[in-house]
């Protein structure tokens, strides 16, 4: 018997990609807006508020996989082939697109016109190494989690005390990111040092959210019946979000604007905030997804989330240039921030909507034809 669809998951995925857009749009306002401007302060607040976007994305990914495969025998060939077609092929295509665009807009970067062998080596290096410095690094990380998913599925099927399992892993993960953020030292062992140095872009820095989604999915029949106190859940979310924002503000006051780039999603405070945000967003999803028009909108954004993820950085670059042409700058007023976000979101959605109606939907969006 097929499992019933968890409609709230579509809202959570849609919320995650919208927060990704907020995060990337506001990054410029945090870095370049005058510190005495409203644009800077709003940008910083929104930038820190949206830090839960990637934890939420990884949670949703873990939930979706464990929910879909948790009660049936896993066909490894089918599983990896499906992930390769829907996740990795679009990444390979977009990595090529990113290289082309960088060649066009960055005079110091050369790709177009290289001899075939050099171009191929440059593409491979870019795709599997240099992309950790671009917004699409996330795919390389999530592919690692997909790769070890069959092992995790087998291990987690044996869990008899899910709450204790989550608690132990929370403490372990909290310790790991605290160590990596504040106390990291190189060991001299290559693999350990590599995992430490790049923890923010490999599975070590994100595995907890993935298995958290898996535990919830495997115990969904029980979890969905838990009555969450709405007021308390909302209060915890607000308080933990406030702590994330205050932490960044204190860093800004002490070290200055340039130091704000250090306040990423890889912080103990963001972990705590994410644990409060996931149930809060789920409760919001329950309410909003009962309204047909909103449910249709969020289902559509959820469907295009992967495509929006890939295309929005390029659209954002163009939008910032256009808005800058009209106003002389795009980082001095709140109106500009809102305008850049709206234009980036709408244009990214329209791009995906159009591509979804072409034979290129699988290559660019990782989508099969909608039934």
Protein backbone atom coordinates (compact mmCIF):
# COMPACT_ATOMS: atom_id res chain seq x y z
CA UNK A 1 0.00 0.00 0.00
CA UNK A 2 1.40 3.40 -1.07
CA UNK A 3 2.09 5.92 1.64
CA UNK A 4 -0.03 9.04 1.80
CA UNK A 5 1.60 12.22 0.53
CA UNK A 6 2.96 14.59 3.18
CA UNK A 7 1.72 17.87 1.69
CA UNK A 8 3.46 19.91 4.38
CA UNK A 9 6.77 18.81 2.88
CA UNK A 10 6.05 20.83 -0.26
CA UNK A 11 5.57 23.98 1.80
CA UNK A 12 8.74 23.32 3.78
CA UNK A 13 10.75 22.84 0.58
CA UNK A 14 9.22 25.99 -0.92
CA UNK A 15 9.98 27.93 2.28
CA UNK A 16 13.57 26.69 2.17
CA UNK A 17 14.21 27.89 -1.39
CA UNK A 18 12.58 31.26 -0.71
CA UNK A 19 14.85 31.64 2.31
CA UNK A 20 17.84 30.77 0.11
CA UNK A 21 16.86 33.69 -2.13
CA UNK A 22 16.53 35.97 0.91
CA UNK A 23 19.96 34.83 2.12
CA UNK A 24 21.69 35.51 -1.18
CA UNK A 25 19.90 38.79 -1.89
CA UNK A 26 20.67 40.23 1.54
CA UNK A 27 24.33 39.16 1.47
CA UNK A 28 25.25 42.25 -0.57
CA UNK A 29 23.36 44.54 1.82
CA UNK A 30 25.17 43.06 4.81
CA UNK A 31 28.52 43.51 3.08
CA UNK A 32 28.16 46.82 1.25
CA UNK A 33 25.30 48.92 2.62
CA UNK A 34 26.20 51.93 4.79
CA UNK A 35 26.10 50.67 8.38
CA UNK A 36 23.87 53.56 9.44
CA UNK A 37 21.24 52.76 6.80
CA UNK A 38 17.95 50.93 7.24
CA UNK A 39 18.93 48.74 4.30
CA UNK A 40 21.93 47.42 6.24
CA UNK A 41 19.98 46.63 9.40
CA UNK A 42 17.07 45.01 7.56
CA UNK A 43 19.53 43.11 5.40
CA UNK A 44 21.39 41.80 8.43
CA UNK A 45 18.19 40.76 10.22
CA UNK A 46 16.82 38.95 7.16
CA UNK A 47 20.19 37.41 6.38
CA UNK A 48 20.41 35.87 9.84
CA UNK A 49 16.72 34.93 9.94
CA UNK A 50 17.15 32.96 6.71
CA UNK A 51 20.18 31.00 7.94
CA UNK A 52 17.94 28.00 8.64
CA UNK A 53 17.27 27.56 4.89
CA UNK A 54 19.97 24.95 4.27
CA UNK A 55 19.32 22.95 7.46
CA UNK A 56 15.66 22.92 6.40
CA UNK A 57 16.58 21.80 2.87
CA UNK A 58 18.72 18.94 4.18
CA UNK A 59 16.00 17.91 6.65
CA UNK A 60 13.40 17.83 3.87
CA UNK A 61 15.75 15.82 1.63
CA UNK A 62 16.35 13.28 4.37
CA UNK A 63 12.66 13.05 5.20
CA UNK A 64 11.71 12.56 1.56
CA UNK A 65 14.20 9.75 0.96
CA UNK A 66 13.58 7.85 4.17
CA UNK A 67 9.83 8.27 3.83
CA UNK A 68 9.87 7.00 0.28
CA UNK A 69 12.28 4.09 0.73
CA UNK A 70 11.87 3.24 4.39
CA UNK A 71 9.34 0.45 4.01
CA UNK A 72 10.53 -1.24 0.85
CA UNK A 73 13.61 -3.02 -0.41
CA UNK A 74 16.09 -0.60 -1.89
CA UNK A 75 17.15 -1.28 -5.47
CA UNK A 76 20.63 0.26 -5.45
CA UNK A 77 20.91 0.51 -9.23
CA UNK A 78 17.55 2.23 -9.54
CA UNK A 79 18.27 4.52 -6.60
CA UNK A 80 21.64 5.76 -7.82
CA UNK A 81 20.49 6.03 -11.44
CA UNK A 82 17.49 8.12 -10.39
CA UNK A 83 19.67 10.44 -8.30
CA UNK A 84 22.18 10.71 -11.15
CA UNK A 85 19.48 11.74 -13.63
CA UNK A 86 17.53 14.12 -11.42
CA UNK A 87 20.30 15.61 -9.27
CA UNK A 88 23.75 15.17 -10.77
CA UNK A 89 23.09 15.65 -14.50
CA UNK A 90 21.47 19.08 -13.91
CA UNK A 91 24.47 19.94 -11.74
CA UNK A 92 26.87 19.00 -14.55
CA UNK A 93 24.89 21.11 -17.02
CA UNK A 94 24.66 24.13 -14.73
CA UNK A 95 28.33 23.86 -13.82
CA UNK A 96 29.10 24.26 -17.54
CA UNK A 97 26.70 27.21 -17.77
CA UNK A 98 28.37 28.86 -14.77
CA UNK A 99 31.77 28.47 -16.44
CA UNK A 100 30.53 30.04 -19.67
CA UNK A 101 29.00 32.99 -17.85
CA UNK A 102 32.07 33.50 -15.73
CA UNK A 103 34.18 33.57 -18.89
CA UNK A 104 31.85 36.19 -20.38
CA UNK A 105 31.68 38.48 -17.35
CA UNK A 106 35.06 37.92 -15.66
CA UNK A 107 38.05 39.06 -17.76
CA UNK A 108 40.49 37.18 -15.52
CA UNK A 109 38.80 33.81 -16.19
CA UNK A 110 39.41 31.92 -19.43
CA UNK A 111 37.41 28.94 -20.69
CA UNK A 112 35.87 29.66 -24.09
CA UNK A 113 38.41 29.05 -26.84
CA UNK A 114 40.67 26.72 -24.87
CA UNK A 115 41.87 23.56 -26.66
CA UNK A 116 39.48 20.68 -25.99
CA UNK A 117 41.74 18.84 -23.55
CA UNK A 118 42.48 21.98 -21.52
CA UNK A 119 38.81 22.96 -21.55
CA UNK A 120 37.79 19.49 -20.35
CA UNK A 121 40.33 19.51 -17.53
CA UNK A 122 39.27 23.02 -16.57
CA UNK A 123 35.62 21.90 -16.52
CA UNK A 124 36.39 18.85 -14.37
CA UNK A 125 38.42 20.95 -11.93
CA UNK A 126 35.68 23.56 -11.75
CA UNK A 127 32.86 21.02 -11.39
CA UNK A 128 34.41 18.87 -8.70
CA UNK A 129 36.59 21.38 -6.84
CA UNK A 130 36.13 25.07 -7.56
CA UNK A 131 32.34 24.93 -7.27
CA UNK A 132 32.68 24.75 -3.50
CA UNK A 133 33.25 28.52 -3.80
CA UNK A 134 30.01 29.10 -5.75
CA UNK A 135 26.36 28.98 -4.61
CA UNK A 136 25.92 25.49 -6.10
CA UNK A 137 28.40 23.85 -3.69
CA UNK A 138 25.33 22.49 -1.93
CA UNK A 139 24.82 19.85 -4.62
CA UNK A 140 28.24 18.29 -4.06
CA UNK A 141 27.43 18.02 -0.37
CA UNK A 142 23.94 16.55 -0.80
CA UNK A 143 25.28 14.02 -3.32
CA UNK A 144 27.59 12.73 -0.58
CA UNK A 145 24.57 12.16 1.65
CA UNK A 146 22.72 10.43 -1.18
CA UNK A 147 25.74 8.23 -1.74
CA UNK A 148 25.77 6.96 1.86
CA UNK A 149 21.96 6.86 2.12
CA UNK A 150 21.67 3.05 1.59
CA UNK A 151 24.03 2.49 4.52
CA UNK A 152 22.12 4.97 6.68
CA UNK A 153 18.82 3.36 5.71
CA UNK A 154 20.03 -0.04 6.88
CA UNK A 155 21.45 1.34 10.13
CA UNK A 156 18.47 3.49 11.01
CA UNK A 157 16.02 0.67 10.42
CA UNK A 158 17.42 -0.84 13.62
CA UNK A 159 16.71 2.18 15.79
CA UNK A 160 14.34 1.29 18.61
CA UNK A 161 14.58 4.50 20.64
CA UNK A 162 14.32 7.39 18.14
CA UNK A 163 14.22 10.20 20.72
CA UNK A 164 17.37 8.97 22.42
CA UNK A 165 19.02 8.53 19.03
CA UNK A 166 18.20 12.12 18.06
CA UNK A 167 19.40 13.44 21.41
CA UNK A 168 22.75 11.62 21.21
CA UNK A 169 23.32 12.76 17.62
CA UNK A 170 22.32 16.31 18.48
CA UNK A 171 24.97 16.43 21.21
CA UNK A 172 27.54 14.85 18.89
CA UNK A 173 26.76 17.27 16.06
CA UNK A 174 26.70 20.24 18.44
CA UNK A 175 30.16 19.21 19.63
CA UNK A 176 31.46 18.83 16.08
CA UNK A 177 30.38 22.25 14.84
CA UNK A 178 31.48 23.91 18.09
CA UNK A 179 34.91 22.32 17.69
CA UNK A 180 35.14 23.20 13.98
CA UNK A 181 34.06 26.78 14.57
CA UNK A 182 36.09 27.62 17.66
CA UNK A 183 38.75 24.98 18.38
CA UNK A 184 39.76 23.36 15.10
CA UNK A 185 43.35 22.13 14.85
CA UNK A 186 44.96 20.15 12.06
CA UNK A 187 45.88 16.57 12.92
CA UNK A 188 48.36 15.84 10.14
CA UNK A 189 46.13 13.02 8.87
CA UNK A 190 45.03 14.04 5.36
CA UNK A 191 41.48 12.67 5.34
CA UNK A 192 40.67 14.03 8.81
CA UNK A 193 42.14 17.42 8.00
CA UNK A 194 40.23 17.54 4.71
CA UNK A 195 36.96 16.76 6.48
CA UNK A 196 37.74 19.44 9.07
CA UNK A 197 38.88 22.12 6.65
CA UNK A 198 35.88 21.70 4.37
CA UNK A 199 33.33 20.65 6.98
CA UNK A 200 30.95 23.41 5.90
CA UNK A 201 30.68 22.00 2.37
CA UNK A 202 30.78 18.25 3.01
CA UNK A 203 28.51 15.77 4.74
CA UNK A 204 30.21 16.20 8.14
CA UNK A 205 28.73 19.67 8.49
CA UNK A 206 25.18 18.68 7.54
CA UNK A 207 24.59 14.99 8.29
CA UNK A 208 22.57 15.65 11.45
CA UNK A 209 19.71 17.38 9.61
CA UNK A 210 19.61 14.55 7.08
CA UNK A 211 19.29 11.79 9.66
CA UNK A 212 16.90 13.95 11.69
CA UNK A 213 14.61 14.01 8.66
CA UNK A 214 15.11 10.26 8.34
CA UNK A 215 14.17 9.52 11.94
CA UNK A 216 11.05 11.67 11.71
CA UNK A 217 10.09 9.99 8.41
CA UNK A 218 10.57 6.47 9.72
CA UNK A 219 8.39 7.29 12.72
CA UNK A 220 5.92 9.47 10.85
CA UNK A 221 2.83 7.53 11.88
CA UNK A 222 3.66 8.45 15.49
CA UNK A 223 5.22 11.87 14.88
CA UNK A 224 2.24 13.26 12.96
CA UNK A 225 -0.06 12.50 15.87
CA UNK A 226 2.01 14.52 18.34
CA UNK A 227 0.12 17.61 19.44
CA UNK A 228 2.47 20.57 19.30
CA UNK A 229 1.67 23.55 21.47
CA UNK A 230 1.44 26.30 18.85
CA UNK A 231 2.20 29.18 21.20
CA UNK A 232 5.19 27.47 22.78
CA UNK A 233 6.53 26.32 19.39
CA UNK A 234 6.23 29.83 17.96
CA UNK A 235 7.82 31.35 21.06
CA UNK A 236 10.81 29.02 20.93
CA UNK A 237 11.27 29.81 17.24
CA UNK A 238 11.14 33.57 17.86
CA UNK A 239 13.54 33.39 20.82
CA UNK A 240 16.11 31.22 19.02
CA UNK A 241 15.89 33.39 15.88
CA UNK A 242 16.48 36.45 18.06
CA UNK A 243 19.60 34.79 19.51
CA UNK A 244 20.99 34.10 16.02
CA UNK A 245 20.46 37.74 15.02
CA UNK A 246 21.87 39.13 18.27
CA UNK A 247 24.98 36.95 17.93
CA UNK A 248 25.70 38.49 14.53
CA UNK A 249 25.00 42.01 15.80
CA UNK A 250 27.41 41.56 18.69
CA UNK A 251 30.04 40.36 16.24
CA UNK A 252 29.39 43.41 14.07
CA UNK A 253 29.71 45.78 17.05
CA UNK A 254 32.95 44.16 18.19
CA UNK A 255 34.69 43.38 14.89
CA UNK A 256 33.01 45.51 12.23
CA UNK A 257 31.04 44.95 9.04
CA UNK A 258 33.66 42.85 7.27
CA UNK A 259 33.49 40.21 10.01
CA UNK A 260 29.81 39.47 9.36
CA UNK A 261 30.69 36.96 6.65
CA UNK A 262 31.77 34.64 9.47
CA UNK A 263 28.18 34.30 10.72
CA UNK A 264 27.13 31.45 8.46
CA UNK A 265 24.67 28.60 8.98
CA UNK A 266 27.42 26.51 10.57
CA UNK A 267 26.96 27.77 14.12
CA UNK A 268 25.62 26.20 17.31
CA UNK A 269 23.01 28.97 17.55
CA UNK A 270 21.70 28.16 14.06
CA UNK A 271 21.48 24.48 15.01
CA UNK A 272 19.32 25.36 18.01
CA UNK A 273 17.28 27.75 15.88
CA UNK A 274 16.75 25.04 13.26
CA UNK A 275 15.45 22.60 15.86
CA UNK A 276 12.84 25.18 16.82
CA UNK A 277 12.13 26.29 13.25
CA UNK A 278 11.35 22.87 11.76
CA UNK A 279 8.26 22.19 13.92
CA UNK A 280 7.22 25.86 13.66
CA UNK A 281 7.34 25.78 9.86
CA UNK A 282 5.51 22.45 9.85
CA UNK A 283 2.67 23.98 11.90
CA UNK A 284 2.54 26.94 9.51
CA UNK A 285 2.44 24.51 6.61
CA UNK A 286 -0.54 22.69 8.13
CA UNK A 287 -2.46 25.94 8.22
CA UNK A 288 -1.49 27.39 4.84
CA UNK A 289 -1.71 24.19 2.79
CA UNK A 290 -5.42 23.93 3.62
CA UNK A 291 -6.02 26.92 1.35
CA UNK A 292 -6.23 25.73 -2.25
CA UNK A 293 -4.60 28.72 -3.96
CA UNK A 294 -1.70 28.86 -1.52
CA UNK A 295 -1.26 25.10 -1.72
CA UNK A 296 -1.06 25.32 -5.54
CA UNK A 297 1.50 28.13 -5.34
CA UNK A 298 3.73 26.39 -2.82
CA UNK A 299 3.46 23.06 -4.65
CA UNK A 300 4.67 24.83 -7.79
CA UNK A 301 7.57 26.57 -6.01
CA UNK A 302 8.49 23.25 -4.42
CA UNK A 303 8.50 21.55 -7.83
CA UNK A 304 10.82 24.22 -9.24
CA UNK A 305 13.02 24.52 -6.15
CA UNK A 306 16.00 22.73 -7.71
CA UNK A 307 15.83 24.83 -10.86
CA UNK A 308 15.39 28.04 -8.86
CA UNK A 309 18.40 27.04 -6.79
CA UNK A 310 20.58 26.85 -9.91
CA UNK A 311 19.31 29.82 -11.88
CA UNK A 312 18.74 32.45 -9.21
CA UNK A 313 22.41 33.45 -8.66
CA UNK A 314 22.73 34.38 -12.32
CA UNK A 315 19.41 36.21 -12.37
CA UNK A 316 20.36 37.99 -9.15
CA UNK A 317 23.57 39.22 -10.77
CA UNK A 318 21.61 40.69 -13.69
CA UNK A 319 18.89 42.17 -11.46
CA UNK A 320 21.45 43.94 -9.26
CA UNK A 321 23.06 45.49 -12.34
CA UNK A 322 19.69 46.63 -13.73
CA UNK A 323 18.50 48.10 -10.40
CA UNK A 324 21.91 49.75 -10.01
CA UNK A 325 21.54 51.38 -13.42
CA UNK A 326 18.21 52.92 -12.44
CA UNK A 327 19.16 54.07 -8.93
CA UNK A 328 22.91 54.47 -9.19
CA UNK A 329 23.26 51.74 -6.56
CA UNK A 330 21.20 48.86 -5.22
CA UNK A 331 22.39 48.71 -1.59
CA UNK A 332 21.34 51.99 0.01
CA UNK A 333 17.56 51.72 0.46
CA UNK A 334 15.08 49.18 1.77
CA UNK A 335 13.01 49.61 -1.39
CA UNK A 336 15.96 48.43 -3.46
CA UNK A 337 16.37 45.34 -1.28
CA UNK A 338 12.70 44.44 -1.69
CA UNK A 339 12.79 45.15 -5.42
CA UNK A 340 15.88 42.98 -5.98
CA UNK A 341 14.31 40.10 -4.04
CA UNK A 342 10.96 40.30 -5.85
CA UNK A 343 12.52 40.54 -9.32
CA UNK A 344 14.96 37.70 -8.62
CA UNK A 345 12.21 35.45 -7.26
CA UNK A 346 9.70 36.16 -10.03
CA UNK A 347 12.23 35.87 -12.86
CA UNK A 348 13.68 32.63 -11.43
CA UNK A 349 10.19 31.15 -11.17
CA UNK A 350 9.26 32.25 -14.70
CA UNK A 351 12.45 30.71 -16.09
CA UNK A 352 11.62 27.36 -14.45
CA UNK A 353 7.97 27.58 -15.52
CA UNK A 354 9.02 28.04 -19.15
CA UNK A 355 11.71 25.33 -19.09
CA UNK A 356 9.22 22.91 -17.50
CA UNK A 357 7.26 23.08 -20.75
CA UNK A 358 10.24 22.09 -22.90
CA UNK A 359 12.24 18.87 -23.43
CA UNK A 360 15.05 20.44 -21.36
CA UNK A 361 13.20 20.12 -18.05
CA UNK A 362 15.24 17.10 -16.97
CA UNK A 363 18.58 18.64 -17.92
CA UNK A 364 17.98 22.01 -16.27
CA UNK A 365 15.43 21.31 -13.55
CA UNK A 366 15.86 17.63 -12.81
CA UNK A 367 12.16 17.12 -13.53
CA UNK A 368 10.23 14.55 -15.51
CA UNK A 369 7.11 15.61 -17.38
CA UNK A 370 4.32 16.54 -15.00
CA UNK A 371 1.51 14.01 -15.06
